[in-house]
Amino acid sequence: MFHWDTPQALQDLGGWPNPVIADYFQDYAKILFDNFGDRVKYWCTINEPRLFSSFGYGRSLPVYPLLAPGLEMHGVGEYLACHTMLLAHAKAYHL
């Protein structure tokens, strides 16, 4: 359902470190479930959450450059993003 393509309007709100994104993700999941639920047997809510949170909001390494969205918030950003991703996954799961 999510593979690193955060809409710009949601990124402008702070992206995944902002917990309100979990509510938007729940709305997005409902739309997908309503429209494709009869044809999709297995759902993956968030692809590669560790890489996305660590290298999108955390830090860069020689083997991994900073990835999209490219916000270096080392020590804080990756934890906030990961927390919100877990909330978003739980909300989608409970739908």
PDB file of N, CA and C in Angstrom:
ATOM      1  N   MET A   1       0.821  -1.187   0.000  1.00  0.00           N
ATOM      2  CA  MET A   1       0.000   0.000   0.000  1.00  0.00           C
ATOM      3  C   MET A   1       0.870   1.257   0.000  1.00  0.00           C
ATOM      4  N   PHE A   2       1.965   1.214   0.714  1.00  0.00           N
ATOM      5  CA  PHE A   2       2.877   2.355   0.729  1.00  0.00           C
ATOM      6  C   PHE A   2       4.282   1.887   0.406  1.00  0.00           C
ATOM      7  N   HIS A   3       4.858   2.505  -0.615  1.00  0.00           N
ATOM      8  CA  HIS A   3       6.238   2.199  -0.987  1.00  0.00           C
ATOM      9  C   HIS A   3       6.971   3.506  -1.266  1.00  0.00           C
ATOM     10  N   TRP A   4       7.174   4.285  -0.228  1.00  0.00           N
ATOM     11  CA  TRP A   4       8.013   5.484  -0.238  1.00  0.00           C
ATOM     12  C   TRP A   4       7.456   6.644  -1.063  1.00  0.00           C
ATOM     13  N   ASP A   5       6.181   6.619  -1.403  1.00  0.00           N
ATOM     14  CA  ASP A   5       5.606   7.681  -2.226  1.00  0.00           C
ATOM     15  C   ASP A   5       4.641   8.530  -1.410  1.00  0.00           C
ATOM     16  N   THR A   6       5.176   9.319  -0.498  1.00  0.00           N
ATOM     17  CA  THR A   6       4.339  10.191   0.322  1.00  0.00           C
ATOM     18  C   THR A   6       3.886  11.378  -0.511  1.00  0.00           C
ATOM     19  N   PRO A   7       2.573  11.622  -0.585  1.00  0.00           N
ATOM     20  CA  PRO A   7       2.101  12.802  -1.305  1.00  0.00           C
ATOM     21  C   PRO A   7       2.712  14.081  -0.716  1.00  0.00           C
ATOM     22  N   GLN A   8       3.004  15.039  -1.563  1.00  0.00           N
ATOM     23  CA  GLN A   8       3.676  16.259  -1.124  1.00  0.00           C
ATOM     24  C   GLN A   8       2.884  16.993  -0.047  1.00  0.00           C
ATOM     25  N   ALA A   9       1.565  16.990  -0.152  1.00  0.00           N
ATOM     26  CA  ALA A   9       0.745  17.677   0.859  1.00  0.00           C
ATOM     27  C   ALA A   9       0.945  17.061   2.247  1.00  0.00           C
ATOM     28  N   LEU A  10       1.116  15.728   2.312  1.00  0.00           N
ATOM     29  CA  LEU A  10       1.361  15.070   3.601  1.00  0.00           C
ATOM     30  C   LEU A  10       2.793  15.282   4.059  1.00  0.00           C
ATOM     31  N   GLN A  11       3.713  15.341   3.121  1.00  0.00           N
ATOM     32  CA  GLN A  11       5.106  15.624   3.479  1.00  0.00           C
ATOM     33  C   GLN A  11       5.228  17.049   4.023  1.00  0.00           C
ATOM     34  N   ASP A  12       4.431  17.954   3.483  1.00  0.00           N
ATOM     35  CA  ASP A  12       4.437  19.333   3.975  1.00  0.00           C
ATOM     36  C   ASP A  12       3.935  19.428   5.418  1.00  0.00           C
ATOM     37  N   LEU A  13       3.165  18.428   5.857  1.00  0.00           N
ATOM     38  CA  LEU A  13       2.711  18.378   7.251  1.00  0.00           C
ATOM     39  C   LEU A  13       3.780  17.791   8.178  1.00  0.00           C
ATOM     40  N   GLY A  14       4.896  17.377   7.605  1.00  0.00           N
ATOM     41  CA  GLY A  14       5.974  16.791   8.394  1.00  0.00           C
ATOM     42  C   GLY A  14       6.275  15.353   8.024  1.00  0.00           C
ATOM     43  N   GLY A  15       5.452  14.774   7.149  1.00  0.00           N
ATOM     44  CA  GLY A  15       5.682  13.399   6.724  1.00  0.00           C
ATOM     45  C   GLY A  15       5.416  12.406   7.840  1.00  0.00           C
ATOM     46  N   TRP A  16       6.066  11.271   7.771  1.00  0.00           N
ATOM     47  CA  TRP A  16       5.818  10.183   8.707  1.00  0.00           C
ATOM     48  C   TRP A  16       6.131  10.492  10.168  1.00  0.00           C
ATOM     49  N   PRO A  17       7.024  11.394  10.512  1.00  0.00           N
ATOM     50  CA  PRO A  17       7.185  11.709  11.937  1.00  0.00           C
ATOM     51  C   PRO A  17       5.951  12.352  12.571  1.00  0.00           C
ATOM     52  N   ASN A  18       5.045  12.866  11.769  1.00  0.00           N
ATOM     53  CA  ASN A  18       3.830  13.491  12.280  1.00  0.00           C
ATOM     54  C   ASN A  18       2.748  12.413  12.469  1.00  0.00           C
ATOM     55  N   PRO A  19       2.267  12.175  13.697  1.00  0.00           N
ATOM     56  CA  PRO A  19       1.311  11.088  13.938  1.00  0.00           C
ATOM     57  C   PRO A  19      -0.024  11.251  13.221  1.00  0.00           C
ATOM     58  N   VAL A  20      -0.365  12.433  12.767  1.00  0.00           N
ATOM     59  CA  VAL A  20      -1.626  12.615  12.041  1.00  0.00           C
ATOM     60  C   VAL A  20      -1.608  11.849  10.711  1.00  0.00           C
ATOM     61  N   ILE A  21      -0.416  11.521  10.219  1.00  0.00           N
ATOM     62  CA  ILE A  21      -0.308  10.767   8.971  1.00  0.00           C
ATOM     63  C   ILE A  21      -0.953   9.389   9.126  1.00  0.00           C
ATOM     64  N   ALA A  22      -0.933   8.820  10.325  1.00  0.00           N
ATOM     65  CA  ALA A  22      -1.567   7.509  10.552  1.00  0.00           C
ATOM     66  C   ALA A  22      -3.065   7.575  10.263  1.00  0.00           C
ATOM     67  N   ASP A  23      -3.713   8.686  10.603  1.00  0.00           N
ATOM     68  CA  ASP A  23      -5.139   8.842  10.317  1.00  0.00           C
ATOM     69  C   ASP A  23      -5.382   8.941   8.812  1.00  0.00           C
ATOM     70  N   TYR A  24      -4.530   9.681   8.127  1.00  0.00           N
ATOM     71  CA  TYR A  24      -4.651   9.762   6.669  1.00  0.00           C
ATOM     72  C   TYR A  24      -4.406   8.400   6.024  1.00  0.00           C
ATOM     73  N   PHE A  25      -3.473   7.641   6.567  1.00  0.00           N
ATOM     74  CA  PHE A  25      -3.207   6.303   6.038  1.00  0.00           C
ATOM     75  C   PHE A  25      -4.417   5.390   6.236  1.00  0.00           C
ATOM     76  N   GLN A  26      -5.082   5.523   7.355  1.00  0.00           N
ATOM     77  CA  GLN A  26      -6.290   4.733   7.603  1.00  0.00           C
ATOM     78  C   GLN A  26      -7.361   5.059   6.558  1.00  0.00           C
ATOM     79  N   ASP A  27      -7.533   6.332   6.252  1.00  0.00           N
ATOM     80  CA  ASP A  27      -8.493   6.728   5.212  1.00  0.00           C
ATOM     81  C   ASP A  27      -8.101   6.146   3.858  1.00  0.00           C
ATOM     82  N   TYR A  28      -6.818   6.195   3.540  1.00  0.00           N
ATOM     83  CA  TYR A  28      -6.292   5.643   2.295  1.00  0.00           C
ATOM     84  C   TYR A  28      -6.535   4.129   2.240  1.00  0.00           C
ATOM     85  N   ALA A  29      -6.275   3.440   3.344  1.00  0.00           N
ATOM     86  CA  ALA A  29      -6.484   1.991   3.387  1.00  0.00           C
ATOM     87  C   ALA A  29      -7.951   1.652   3.174  1.00  0.00           C
ATOM     88  N   LYS A  30      -8.838   2.418   3.759  1.00  0.00           N
ATOM     89  CA  LYS A  30     -10.279   2.167   3.581  1.00  0.00           C
ATOM     90  C   LYS A  30     -10.675   2.290   2.116  1.00  0.00           C
ATOM     91  N   ILE A  31     -10.155   3.288   1.442  1.00  0.00           N
ATOM     92  CA  ILE A  31     -10.451   3.447   0.014  1.00  0.00           C
ATOM     93  C   ILE A  31      -9.951   2.234  -0.776  1.00  0.00           C
ATOM     94  N   LEU A  32      -8.735   1.800  -0.473  1.00  0.00           N
ATOM     95  CA  LEU A  32      -8.188   0.633  -1.170  1.00  0.00           C
ATOM     96  C   LEU A  32      -8.997  -0.618  -0.868  1.00  0.00           C
ATOM     97  N   PHE A  33      -9.327  -0.849   0.395  1.00  0.00           N
ATOM     98  CA  PHE A  33     -10.090  -2.035   0.770  1.00  0.00           C
ATOM     99  C   PHE A  33     -11.471  -2.029   0.119  1.00  0.00           C
ATOM    100  N   ASP A  34     -12.126  -0.866   0.112  1.00  0.00           N
ATOM    101  CA  ASP A  34     -13.458  -0.773  -0.485  1.00  0.00           C
ATOM    102  C   ASP A  34     -13.434  -1.019  -1.987  1.00  0.00           C
ATOM    103  N   ASN A  35     -12.384  -0.525  -2.653  1.00  0.00           N
ATOM    104  CA  ASN A  35     -12.339  -0.618  -4.108  1.00  0.00           C
ATOM    105  C   ASN A  35     -11.669  -1.881  -4.646  1.00  0.00           C
ATOM    106  N   PHE A  36     -10.749  -2.463  -3.881  1.00  0.00           N
ATOM    107  CA  PHE A  36      -9.987  -3.607  -4.392  1.00  0.00           C
ATOM    108  C   PHE A  36     -10.035  -4.833  -3.478  1.00  0.00           C
ATOM    109  N   GLY A  37     -10.736  -4.741  -2.363  1.00  0.00           N
ATOM    110  CA  GLY A  37     -10.753  -5.822  -1.395  1.00  0.00           C
ATOM    111  C   GLY A  37     -11.295  -7.133  -1.912  1.00  0.00           C
ATOM    112  N   ASP A  38     -12.175  -7.082  -2.897  1.00  0.00           N
ATOM    113  CA  ASP A  38     -12.728  -8.314  -3.448  1.00  0.00           C
ATOM    114  C   ASP A  38     -11.752  -9.010  -4.402  1.00  0.00           C
ATOM    115  N   ARG A  39     -10.669  -8.313  -4.785  1.00  0.00           N
ATOM    116  CA  ARG A  39      -9.707  -8.883  -5.735  1.00  0.00           C
ATOM    117  C   ARG A  39      -8.318  -9.107  -5.150  1.00  0.00           C
ATOM    118  N   VAL A  40      -8.025  -8.508  -4.011  1.00  0.00           N
ATOM    119  CA  VAL A  40      -6.698  -8.637  -3.399  1.00  0.00           C
ATOM    120  C   VAL A  40      -6.807  -9.547  -2.176  1.00  0.00           C
ATOM    121  N   LYS A  41      -6.013 -10.606  -2.175  1.00  0.00           N
ATOM    122  CA  LYS A  41      -6.077 -11.570  -1.077  1.00  0.00           C
ATOM    123  C   LYS A  41      -5.151 -11.173   0.074  1.00  0.00           C
ATOM    124  N   TYR A  42      -3.943 -10.719  -0.234  1.00  0.00           N
ATOM    125  CA  TYR A  42      -2.957 -10.357   0.787  1.00  0.00           C
ATOM    126  C   TYR A  42      -2.538  -8.905   0.613  1.00  0.00           C
ATOM    127  N   TRP A  43      -2.457  -8.197   1.707  1.00  0.00           N
ATOM    128  CA  TRP A  43      -2.079  -6.788   1.689  1.00  0.00           C
ATOM    129  C   TRP A  43      -0.772  -6.593   2.446  1.00  0.00           C
ATOM    130  N   CYS A  44       0.096  -5.782   1.914  1.00  0.00           N
ATOM    131  CA  CYS A  44       1.307  -5.331   2.607  1.00  0.00           C
ATOM    132  C   CYS A  44       1.104  -3.842   2.859  1.00  0.00           C
ATOM    133  N   THR A  45       1.040  -3.453   4.107  1.00  0.00           N
ATOM    134  CA  THR A  45       0.712  -2.059   4.400  1.00  0.00           C
ATOM    135  C   THR A  45       1.866  -1.111   4.093  1.00  0.00           C
ATOM    136  N   ILE A  46       3.039  -1.383   4.634  1.00  0.00           N
ATOM    137  CA  ILE A  46       4.177  -0.472   4.447  1.00  0.00           C
ATOM    138  C   ILE A  46       5.400  -1.300   4.063  1.00  0.00           C
ATOM    139  N   ASN A  47       5.951  -1.034   2.903  1.00  0.00           N
ATOM    140  CA  ASN A  47       7.097  -1.776   2.411  1.00  0.00           C
ATOM    141  C   ASN A  47       8.401  -1.188   2.955  1.00  0.00           C
ATOM    142  N   GLU A  48       9.245  -2.039   3.489  1.00  0.00           N
ATOM    143  CA  GLU A  48      10.565  -1.681   4.001  1.00  0.00           C
ATOM    144  C   GLU A  48      10.528  -0.532   5.016  1.00  0.00           C
ATOM    145  N   PRO A  49       9.745  -0.677   6.083  1.00  0.00           N
ATOM    146  CA  PRO A  49       9.640   0.436   7.038  1.00  0.00           C
ATOM    147  C   PRO A  49      10.959   0.795   7.715  1.00  0.00           C
ATOM    148  N   ARG A  50      11.806  -0.202   7.961  1.00  0.00           N
ATOM    149  CA  ARG A  50      13.083   0.096   8.620  1.00  0.00           C
ATOM    150  C   ARG A  50      13.977   0.956   7.741  1.00  0.00           C
ATOM    151  N   LEU A  51      14.113   0.581   6.480  1.00  0.00           N
ATOM    152  CA  LEU A  51      14.939   1.376   5.571  1.00  0.00           C
ATOM    153  C   LEU A  51      14.365   2.770   5.378  1.00  0.00           C
ATOM    154  N   PHE A  52      13.057   2.815   5.183  1.00  0.00           N
ATOM    155  CA  PHE A  52      12.430   4.108   4.936  1.00  0.00           C
ATOM    156  C   PHE A  52      12.567   5.050   6.122  1.00  0.00           C
ATOM    157  N   SER A  53      12.332   4.532   7.333  1.00  0.00           N
ATOM    158  CA  SER A  53      12.430   5.409   8.505  1.00  0.00           C
ATOM    159  C   SER A  53      13.880   5.753   8.826  1.00  0.00           C
ATOM    160  N   SER A  54      14.778   4.776   8.728  1.00  0.00           N
ATOM    161  CA  SER A  54      16.183   5.017   9.082  1.00  0.00           C
ATOM    162  C   SER A  54      16.886   5.952   8.112  1.00  0.00           C
ATOM    163  N   PHE A  55      16.719   5.707   6.821  1.00  0.00           N
ATOM    164  CA  PHE A  55      17.482   6.463   5.834  1.00  0.00           C
ATOM    165  C   PHE A  55      16.669   7.571   5.159  1.00  0.00           C
ATOM    166  N   GLY A  56      15.408   7.680   5.485  1.00  0.00           N
ATOM    167  CA  GLY A  56      14.600   8.782   4.987  1.00  0.00           C
ATOM    168  C   GLY A  56      14.491   9.917   5.987  1.00  0.00           C
ATOM    169  N   TYR A  57      14.531   9.538   7.276  1.00  0.00           N
ATOM    170  CA  TYR A  57      14.382  10.531   8.340  1.00  0.00           C
ATOM    171  C   TYR A  57      15.525  10.515   9.337  1.00  0.00           C
ATOM    172  N   GLY A  58      16.451   9.592   9.185  1.00  0.00           N
ATOM    173  CA  GLY A  58      17.474   9.445  10.203  1.00  0.00           C
ATOM    174  C   GLY A  58      18.860   9.869   9.795  1.00  0.00           C
ATOM    175  N   ARG A  59      19.549   9.032   9.062  1.00  0.00           N
ATOM    176  CA  ARG A  59      20.957   9.278   8.802  1.00  0.00           C
ATOM    177  C   ARG A  59      21.335   8.706   7.441  1.00  0.00           C
ATOM    178  N   SER A  60      22.498   9.067   7.004  1.00  0.00           N
ATOM    179  CA  SER A  60      23.051   8.466   5.800  1.00  0.00           C
ATOM    180  C   SER A  60      24.309   7.693   6.182  1.00  0.00           C
ATOM    181  N   LEU A  61      24.605   6.678   5.422  1.00  0.00           N
ATOM    182  CA  LEU A  61      25.795   5.867   5.618  1.00  0.00           C
ATOM    183  C   LEU A  61      26.528   5.779   4.286  1.00  0.00           C
ATOM    184  N   PRO A  62      27.809   5.447   4.303  1.00  0.00           N
ATOM    185  CA  PRO A  62      28.532   5.317   3.030  1.00  0.00           C
ATOM    186  C   PRO A  62      27.869   4.327   2.066  1.00  0.00           C
ATOM    187  N   VAL A  63      27.311   3.239   2.602  1.00  0.00           N
ATOM    188  CA  VAL A  63      26.665   2.254   1.731  1.00  0.00           C
ATOM    189  C   VAL A  63      25.222   2.623   1.403  1.00  0.00           C
ATOM    190  N   TYR A  64      24.605   3.467   2.221  1.00  0.00           N
ATOM    191  CA  TYR A  64      23.242   3.935   1.982  1.00  0.00           C
ATOM    192  C   TYR A  64      23.220   5.447   2.092  1.00  0.00           C
ATOM    193  N   PRO A  65      22.987   6.104   0.996  1.00  0.00           N
ATOM    194  CA  PRO A  65      22.840   7.562   1.089  1.00  0.00           C
ATOM    195  C   PRO A  65      21.508   7.893   1.760  1.00  0.00           C
ATOM    196  N   LEU A  66      21.332   9.124   2.110  1.00  0.00           N
ATOM    197  CA  LEU A  66      20.051   9.563   2.646  1.00  0.00           C
ATOM    198  C   LEU A  66      19.015   9.408   1.531  1.00  0.00           C
ATOM    199  N   LEU A  67      17.936   8.734   1.820  1.00  0.00           N
ATOM    200  CA  LEU A  67      16.909   8.446   0.834  1.00  0.00           C
ATOM    201  C   LEU A  67      15.732   9.396   1.008  1.00  0.00           C
ATOM    202  N   ALA A  68      14.809   9.374   0.084  1.00  0.00           N
ATOM    203  CA  ALA A  68      13.640  10.231   0.153  1.00  0.00           C
ATOM    204  C   ALA A  68      12.892   9.995   1.461  1.00  0.00           C
ATOM    205  N   PRO A  69      12.431  11.010   2.124  1.00  0.00           N
ATOM    206  CA  PRO A  69      12.421  12.415   1.769  1.00  0.00           C
ATOM    207  C   PRO A  69      13.714  13.152   2.067  1.00  0.00           C
ATOM    208  N   GLY A  70      14.689  12.497   2.624  1.00  0.00           N
ATOM    209  CA  GLY A  70      15.996  13.110   2.803  1.00  0.00           C
ATOM    210  C   GLY A  70      16.107  14.098   3.948  1.00  0.00           C
ATOM    211  N   LEU A  71      15.367  13.859   5.010  1.00  0.00           N
ATOM    212  CA  LEU A  71      15.425  14.739   6.182  1.00  0.00           C
ATOM    213  C   LEU A  71      16.326  14.106   7.232  1.00  0.00           C
ATOM    214  N   GLU A  72      17.444  14.704   7.470  1.00  0.00           N
ATOM    215  CA  GLU A  72      18.401  14.139   8.431  1.00  0.00           C
ATOM    216  C   GLU A  72      18.046  14.618   9.835  1.00  0.00           C
ATOM    217  N   MET A  73      17.282  13.791  10.542  1.00  0.00           N
ATOM    218  CA  MET A  73      16.836  14.085  11.899  1.00  0.00           C
ATOM    219  C   MET A  73      17.370  12.991  12.812  1.00  0.00           C
ATOM    220  N   HIS A  74      18.662  12.689  12.699  1.00  0.00           N
ATOM    221  CA  HIS A  74      19.282  11.545  13.366  1.00  0.00           C
ATOM    222  C   HIS A  74      18.990  11.529  14.858  1.00  0.00           C
ATOM    223  N   GLY A  75      18.565  10.360  15.325  1.00  0.00           N
ATOM    224  CA  GLY A  75      18.290  10.183  16.740  1.00  0.00           C
ATOM    225  C   GLY A  75      16.858  10.464  17.136  1.00  0.00           C
ATOM    226  N   VAL A  76      16.110  11.117  16.269  1.00  0.00           N
ATOM    227  CA  VAL A  76      14.728  11.452  16.578  1.00  0.00           C
ATOM    228  C   VAL A  76      13.802  11.060  15.435  1.00  0.00           C
ATOM    229  N   GLY A  77      14.134  11.495  14.246  1.00  0.00           N
ATOM    230  CA  GLY A  77      13.255  11.312  13.090  1.00  0.00           C
ATOM    231  C   GLY A  77      12.903   9.880  12.794  1.00  0.00           C
ATOM    232  N   GLU A  78      13.916   8.995  12.861  1.00  0.00           N
ATOM    233  CA  GLU A  78      13.640   7.596  12.542  1.00  0.00           C
ATOM    234  C   GLU A  78      12.692   6.958  13.553  1.00  0.00           C
ATOM    235  N   TYR A  79      12.784   7.349  14.813  1.00  0.00           N
ATOM    236  CA  TYR A  79      11.897   6.797  15.830  1.00  0.00           C
ATOM    237  C   TYR A  79      10.477   7.335  15.686  1.00  0.00           C
ATOM    238  N   LEU A  80      10.358   8.618  15.421  1.00  0.00           N
ATOM    239  CA  LEU A  80       9.030   9.201  15.222  1.00  0.00           C
ATOM    240  C   LEU A  80       8.360   8.614  13.991  1.00  0.00           C
ATOM    241  N   ALA A  81       9.110   8.480  12.900  1.00  0.00           N
ATOM    242  CA  ALA A  81       8.551   7.923  11.665  1.00  0.00           C
ATOM    243  C   ALA A  81       8.132   6.470  11.876  1.00  0.00           C
ATOM    244  N   CYS A  82       8.968   5.698  12.525  1.00  0.00           N
ATOM    245  CA  CYS A  82       8.663   4.289  12.766  1.00  0.00           C
ATOM    246  C   CYS A  82       7.437   4.143  13.666  1.00  0.00           C
ATOM    247  N   HIS A  83       7.332   4.986  14.674  1.00  0.00           N
ATOM    248  CA  HIS A  83       6.170   4.955  15.564  1.00  0.00           C
ATOM    249  C   HIS A  83       4.890   5.218  14.780  1.00  0.00           C
ATOM    250  N   THR A  84       4.918   6.227  13.925  1.00  0.00           N
ATOM    251  CA  THR A  84       3.736   6.554  13.130  1.00  0.00           C
ATOM    252  C   THR A  84       3.414   5.439  12.145  1.00  0.00           C
ATOM    253  N   MET A  85       4.436   4.814  11.583  1.00  0.00           N
ATOM    254  CA  MET A  85       4.191   3.692  10.667  1.00  0.00           C
ATOM    255  C   MET A  85       3.525   2.527  11.381  1.00  0.00           C
ATOM    256  N   LEU A  86       3.929   2.254  12.606  1.00  0.00           N
ATOM    257  CA  LEU A  86       3.283   1.189  13.378  1.00  0.00           C
ATOM    258  C   LEU A  86       1.826   1.538  13.683  1.00  0.00           C
ATOM    259  N   LEU A  87       1.576   2.789  14.015  1.00  0.00           N
ATOM    260  CA  LEU A  87       0.194   3.219  14.245  1.00  0.00           C
ATOM    261  C   LEU A  87      -0.637   3.074  12.970  1.00  0.00           C
ATOM    262  N   ALA A  88      -0.060   3.488  11.849  1.00  0.00           N
ATOM    263  CA  ALA A  88      -0.767   3.402  10.565  1.00  0.00           C
ATOM    264  C   ALA A  88      -1.065   1.952  10.205  1.00  0.00           C
ATOM    265  N   HIS A  89      -0.085   1.079  10.392  1.00  0.00           N
ATOM    266  CA  HIS A  89      -0.295  -0.337  10.115  1.00  0.00           C
ATOM    267  C   HIS A  89      -1.416  -0.892  10.985  1.00  0.00           C
ATOM    268  N   ALA A  90      -1.400  -0.567  12.274  1.00  0.00           N
ATOM    269  CA  ALA A  90      -2.440  -1.075  13.192  1.00  0.00           C
ATOM    270  C   ALA A  90      -3.817  -0.575  12.788  1.00  0.00           C
ATOM    271  N   LYS A  91      -3.907   0.687  12.392  1.00  0.00           N
ATOM    272  CA  LYS A  91      -5.202   1.224  11.970  1.00  0.00           C
ATOM    273  C   LYS A  91      -5.717   0.518  10.719  1.00  0.00           C
ATOM    274  N   ALA A  92      -4.826   0.257   9.768  1.00  0.00           N
ATOM    275  CA  ALA A  92      -5.229  -0.465   8.548  1.00  0.00           C
ATOM    276  C   ALA A  92      -5.623  -1.900   8.886  1.00  0.00           C
ATOM    277  N   TYR A  93      -4.856  -2.538   9.754  1.00  0.00           N
ATOM    278  CA  TYR A  93      -5.148  -3.912  10.145  1.00  0.00           C
ATOM    279  C   TYR A  93      -6.535  -4.012  10.785  1.00  0.00           C
ATOM    280  N   HIS A  94      -6.869  -3.069  11.642  1.00  0.00           N
ATOM    281  CA  HIS A  94      -8.149  -3.126  12.348  1.00  0.00           C
ATOM    282  C   HIS A  94      -9.344  -2.806  11.453  1.00  0.00           C
ATOM    283  N   LEU A  95      -9.081  -2.221  10.300  1.00  0.00           N
ATOM    284  CA  LEU A  95     -10.185  -2.014   9.350  1.00  0.00           C
ATOM    285  C   LEU A  95     -10.691  -3.354   8.855  1.00  0.00           C
TER     286      LEU A  95
END
